[in-house]
């Protein structure tokens, strides 16, 4: 009788340990479905008219996850909330984010290039080449929460008429451009390639000034527990080589990646 009791206790302990081990293993490793949040940014990450995820960053991420036997689940969120979701563990990855953002693990893989220029009404007269100093007397829009390149950040800190705004939830980012059209600001600092396409698509009375005012690269931001996944994705994409990346850039923009990186 005592032996029977001891056996029951022995197997009971094993069962409890197995349950605990399974729980801990599940917490330490990602599931097969990777939760990725994003703010739309054509040509890097967006939904097409059929509701399918498209873009350079999407195809890079999906290619790596497919090789690893994982599935991406994308969720569109405002930028600040997306970062917060990854920090809290509600999402696994935010993409793309500006390199250098605190509290997230950053990929070594570049997922986007953010090349910034001044967007102004067609009626605004300004002599080229355009510099930040030539915007000193203008009312300028920037996006709240974005990490701008150091030279633009330092300039904005002393500018007398900076207006910080957020994008609307319409998925198109039209608010700052409409503000320019309605005379509520003189200039907007944003990605030159994306802005030029949006202006053309919506037939806006705006223009993108040259040259670029600054640039930075954007990466994927992981929650801190996913260093292994970050390294695996970086390794897979590095093995694909530059030709694979250039093929994606040409597919969505018509240019190789060097056009955006300046290399």
Protein backbone atom coordinates (compact mmCIF):
# COMPACT_ATOMS: atom_id res chain seq x y z
CA UNK A 1 0.00 0.00 0.00
CA UNK A 2 2.77 2.39 0.87
CA UNK A 3 4.55 1.53 -2.40
CA UNK A 4 1.40 2.31 -4.39
CA UNK A 5 1.05 5.67 -2.67
CA UNK A 6 4.67 6.55 -3.34
CA UNK A 7 4.26 5.69 -7.03
CA UNK A 8 1.22 7.93 -7.30
CA UNK A 9 3.08 10.75 -5.63
CA UNK A 10 6.10 10.17 -7.88
CA UNK A 11 4.07 10.35 -11.08
CA UNK A 12 2.13 13.30 -9.73
CA UNK A 13 5.34 15.25 -9.20
CA UNK A 14 6.51 14.38 -12.72
CA UNK A 15 3.19 15.53 -14.17
CA UNK A 16 3.42 18.86 -12.36
CA UNK A 17 7.01 19.35 -13.50
CA UNK A 18 6.07 18.60 -17.10
CA UNK A 19 3.25 21.13 -16.99
CA UNK A 20 5.57 23.75 -15.51
CA UNK A 21 8.26 22.98 -18.08
CA UNK A 22 5.78 23.27 -20.91
CA UNK A 23 4.53 26.58 -19.57
CA UNK A 24 8.04 27.97 -19.22
CA UNK A 25 9.08 26.73 -22.65
CA UNK A 26 6.02 28.31 -24.24
CA UNK A 27 6.77 31.63 -22.52
CA UNK A 28 10.41 31.60 -23.61
CA UNK A 29 9.87 30.70 -27.26
CA UNK A 30 7.58 32.38 -29.81
CA UNK A 31 4.61 30.49 -31.17
CA UNK A 32 4.43 29.60 -34.85
CA UNK A 33 2.44 32.80 -35.44
CA UNK A 34 4.52 35.96 -35.08
CA UNK A 35 2.52 39.10 -34.26
CA UNK A 36 3.82 42.08 -36.25
CA UNK A 37 2.41 45.59 -35.87
CA UNK A 38 3.03 48.38 -38.34
CA UNK A 39 2.02 51.83 -39.51
CA UNK A 40 1.43 51.90 -43.31
CA UNK A 41 4.37 53.15 -45.35
CA UNK A 42 4.31 52.53 -49.09
CA UNK A 43 6.49 51.04 -50.63
CA UNK A 44 7.67 49.21 -47.51
CA UNK A 45 4.53 47.96 -45.77
CA UNK A 46 0.85 48.45 -46.70
CA UNK A 47 -2.36 46.68 -47.68
CA UNK A 48 -3.35 46.58 -51.34
CA UNK A 49 -6.89 47.11 -52.61
CA UNK A 50 -7.67 43.44 -51.99
CA UNK A 51 -6.56 43.71 -48.36
CA UNK A 52 -3.34 41.75 -48.91
CA UNK A 53 -0.12 42.77 -47.21
CA UNK A 54 2.41 44.14 -49.65
CA UNK A 55 5.74 45.98 -49.63
CA UNK A 56 9.50 45.55 -49.42
CA UNK A 57 9.57 45.10 -45.64
CA UNK A 58 6.66 42.64 -45.80
CA UNK A 59 8.35 40.45 -48.39
CA UNK A 60 11.66 40.53 -46.53
CA UNK A 61 10.01 39.52 -43.26
CA UNK A 62 7.77 36.88 -44.85
CA UNK A 63 10.69 35.31 -46.72
CA UNK A 64 12.64 34.89 -43.48
CA UNK A 65 9.67 33.61 -41.47
CA UNK A 66 8.74 31.12 -44.19
CA UNK A 67 12.28 29.70 -44.12
CA UNK A 68 11.97 29.36 -40.34
CA UNK A 69 8.58 27.65 -40.52
CA UNK A 70 6.79 30.62 -38.96
CA UNK A 71 3.76 32.66 -40.00
CA UNK A 72 3.34 36.44 -39.83
CA UNK A 73 0.15 37.98 -38.43
CA UNK A 74 0.10 41.71 -39.28
CA UNK A 75 -1.86 44.36 -37.40
CA UNK A 76 -2.06 48.01 -38.42
CA UNK A 77 -1.66 50.36 -35.46
CA UNK A 78 -0.72 54.01 -34.88
CA UNK A 79 3.05 54.23 -34.55
CA UNK A 80 3.22 55.03 -30.82
CA UNK A 81 0.76 52.30 -29.94
CA UNK A 82 2.66 49.77 -32.05
CA UNK A 83 5.86 50.48 -30.13
CA UNK A 84 3.97 50.22 -26.84
CA UNK A 85 2.41 46.89 -27.87
CA UNK A 86 5.84 45.37 -28.52
CA UNK A 87 7.26 46.76 -25.28
CA UNK A 88 4.36 45.21 -23.34
CA UNK A 89 4.61 41.86 -25.14
CA UNK A 90 1.22 42.12 -26.86
CA UNK A 91 3.04 42.11 -30.22
CA UNK A 92 6.35 40.49 -31.15
CA UNK A 93 7.78 42.85 -33.76
CA UNK A 94 7.30 46.47 -34.90
CA UNK A 95 8.41 47.17 -38.46
CA UNK A 96 9.85 49.42 -39.71
CA UNK A 97 11.15 51.60 -36.85
CA UNK A 98 13.92 54.17 -36.84
CA UNK A 99 17.27 52.69 -35.88
CA UNK A 100 18.25 53.70 -32.37
CA UNK A 101 14.82 53.60 -30.70
CA UNK A 102 15.15 52.63 -27.02
CA UNK A 103 13.65 49.59 -25.27
CA UNK A 104 13.30 47.37 -28.33
CA UNK A 105 15.79 44.89 -29.75
CA UNK A 106 16.84 46.18 -33.15
CA UNK A 107 17.48 44.01 -36.17
CA UNK A 108 20.74 44.22 -38.03
CA UNK A 109 18.71 43.94 -41.22
CA UNK A 110 17.59 47.21 -42.80
CA UNK A 111 13.89 47.11 -43.69
CA UNK A 112 13.45 50.65 -45.05
CA UNK A 113 15.29 53.87 -45.90
CA UNK A 114 13.81 57.12 -44.59
CA UNK A 115 15.00 59.97 -46.81
CA UNK A 116 13.52 63.27 -45.65
CA UNK A 117 12.68 66.33 -47.68
CA UNK A 118 10.57 69.46 -47.36
CA UNK A 119 7.10 69.28 -48.91
CA UNK A 120 5.57 72.69 -49.65
CA UNK A 121 2.63 74.21 -51.56
CA UNK A 122 3.30 74.82 -55.22
CA UNK A 123 2.61 78.51 -54.61
CA UNK A 124 5.46 78.84 -52.08
CA UNK A 125 8.55 80.47 -53.57
CA UNK A 126 11.83 79.20 -52.15
CA UNK A 127 15.26 79.27 -53.76
CA UNK A 128 17.18 76.04 -54.18
CA UNK A 129 19.13 74.17 -53.14
CA UNK A 130 16.91 73.86 -50.07
CA UNK A 131 18.48 73.62 -46.60
CA UNK A 132 16.98 73.50 -43.12
CA UNK A 133 18.09 77.09 -42.59
CA UNK A 134 15.92 78.18 -45.51
CA UNK A 135 12.91 76.86 -43.56
CA UNK A 136 13.69 79.00 -40.49
CA UNK A 137 10.96 81.57 -41.15
CA UNK A 138 8.31 79.01 -42.13
CA UNK A 139 5.69 77.12 -40.15
CA UNK A 140 6.86 73.49 -40.31
CA UNK A 141 5.02 70.23 -39.60
CA UNK A 142 6.73 67.16 -38.15
CA UNK A 143 5.25 63.89 -36.92
CA UNK A 144 5.00 63.46 -33.15
CA UNK A 145 6.83 60.40 -31.84
CA UNK A 146 9.05 59.89 -34.88
CA UNK A 147 12.81 59.81 -34.30
CA UNK A 148 14.20 62.22 -36.90
CA UNK A 149 17.89 62.27 -37.91
CA UNK A 150 20.09 64.20 -35.48
CA UNK A 151 20.57 67.24 -37.72
CA UNK A 152 16.80 67.71 -38.13
CA UNK A 153 16.14 67.09 -34.42
CA UNK A 154 18.69 69.73 -33.38
CA UNK A 155 17.28 72.23 -35.87
CA UNK A 156 13.68 71.61 -34.75
CA UNK A 157 14.59 72.20 -31.09
CA UNK A 158 15.39 75.84 -31.82
CA UNK A 159 12.82 76.47 -34.56
CA UNK A 160 10.19 79.02 -33.54
CA UNK A 161 7.24 77.52 -35.42
CA UNK A 162 7.21 73.73 -35.29
CA UNK A 163 3.86 71.96 -35.19
CA UNK A 164 3.84 68.31 -34.10
CA UNK A 165 0.96 66.27 -35.48
CA UNK A 166 -0.03 62.61 -35.79
CA UNK A 167 -1.28 60.73 -38.79
CA UNK A 168 -4.99 60.02 -39.08
CA UNK A 169 -6.34 56.47 -39.03
CA UNK A 170 -7.34 56.59 -42.70
CA UNK A 171 -4.27 54.60 -43.71
CA UNK A 172 -3.23 57.22 -46.27
CA UNK A 173 -1.57 59.89 -44.14
CA UNK A 174 -3.38 62.78 -45.79
CA UNK A 175 -3.76 65.12 -42.79
CA UNK A 176 -0.40 66.99 -43.01
CA UNK A 177 -0.70 67.30 -46.79
CA UNK A 178 -4.20 68.74 -46.53
CA UNK A 179 -2.94 71.17 -43.89
CA UNK A 180 -0.41 72.45 -46.41
CA UNK A 181 -3.08 72.81 -49.08
CA UNK A 182 -5.37 74.71 -46.69
CA UNK A 183 -2.58 77.11 -45.64
CA UNK A 184 -2.33 75.86 -42.06
CA UNK A 185 1.43 75.33 -42.43
CA UNK A 186 4.17 76.20 -44.92
CA UNK A 187 6.20 72.99 -45.02
CA UNK A 188 6.15 69.36 -43.95
CA UNK A 189 9.26 67.22 -43.42
CA UNK A 190 8.66 63.64 -44.53
CA UNK A 191 9.93 60.82 -46.75
CA UNK A 192 10.55 62.19 -50.24
CA UNK A 193 9.70 59.09 -52.34
CA UNK A 194 6.48 58.27 -50.46
CA UNK A 195 5.39 61.92 -50.42
CA UNK A 196 5.99 62.39 -54.14
CA UNK A 197 3.85 59.34 -54.94
CA UNK A 198 1.06 60.45 -52.60
CA UNK A 199 1.04 63.94 -54.13
CA UNK A 200 0.79 62.45 -57.61
CA UNK A 201 -1.88 59.88 -56.67
CA UNK A 202 -4.13 62.49 -55.08
CA UNK A 203 -3.32 65.32 -57.51
CA UNK A 204 -2.30 67.67 -54.70
CA UNK A 205 -1.05 71.21 -55.33
CA UNK A 206 2.21 70.44 -53.51
CA UNK A 207 5.82 69.70 -54.45
CA UNK A 208 8.79 67.94 -52.89
CA UNK A 209 11.90 70.12 -52.62
CA UNK A 210 15.41 68.92 -53.37
CA UNK A 211 17.88 67.96 -52.08
CA UNK A 212 17.07 65.70 -49.12
CA UNK A 213 17.42 67.29 -45.69
CA UNK A 214 18.51 64.12 -43.89
CA UNK A 215 18.19 60.36 -43.90
CA UNK A 216 18.21 57.33 -41.64
CA UNK A 217 17.63 53.61 -41.91
CA UNK A 218 14.67 51.76 -40.43
CA UNK A 219 14.85 48.30 -38.91
CA UNK A 220 12.62 45.79 -37.14
CA UNK A 221 12.09 46.21 -33.40
CA UNK A 222 11.62 43.03 -31.35
CA UNK A 223 10.44 42.51 -27.81
CA UNK A 224 13.38 41.76 -25.56
CA UNK A 225 12.67 38.04 -25.16
CA UNK A 226 13.07 37.38 -28.89
CA UNK A 227 16.80 37.87 -29.39
CA UNK A 228 17.03 34.37 -30.86
CA UNK A 229 14.29 35.04 -33.39
CA UNK A 230 15.89 38.38 -34.30
CA UNK A 231 19.21 36.63 -34.94
CA UNK A 232 17.58 33.87 -36.99
CA UNK A 233 15.75 36.36 -39.23
CA UNK A 234 18.89 38.43 -39.70
CA UNK A 235 20.84 35.29 -40.62
CA UNK A 236 18.27 34.10 -43.16
CA UNK A 237 18.02 37.49 -44.86
CA UNK A 238 21.80 37.95 -44.93
CA UNK A 239 22.07 34.61 -46.73
CA UNK A 240 19.66 35.84 -49.42
CA UNK A 241 22.17 38.50 -50.48
CA UNK A 242 21.88 41.93 -52.05
CA UNK A 243 20.44 40.64 -55.33
CA UNK A 244 17.32 39.48 -53.51
CA UNK A 245 16.93 42.89 -51.85
CA UNK A 246 17.48 44.77 -55.12
CA UNK A 247 14.83 42.62 -56.80
CA UNK A 248 12.29 43.67 -54.18
CA UNK A 249 13.23 47.35 -54.36
CA UNK A 250 12.93 47.32 -58.16
CA UNK A 251 9.58 45.52 -57.93
CA UNK A 252 8.05 48.26 -55.77
CA UNK A 253 9.97 51.37 -56.78
CA UNK A 254 11.73 50.75 -60.08
CA UNK A 255 15.11 51.38 -58.46
CA UNK A 256 17.77 49.24 -56.79
CA UNK A 257 18.33 49.76 -53.06
CA UNK A 258 21.39 51.92 -53.71
CA UNK A 259 19.07 54.65 -55.02
CA UNK A 260 17.68 55.02 -51.49
CA UNK A 261 20.81 54.26 -49.46
CA UNK A 262 23.03 56.64 -51.42
CA UNK A 263 25.65 53.92 -51.91
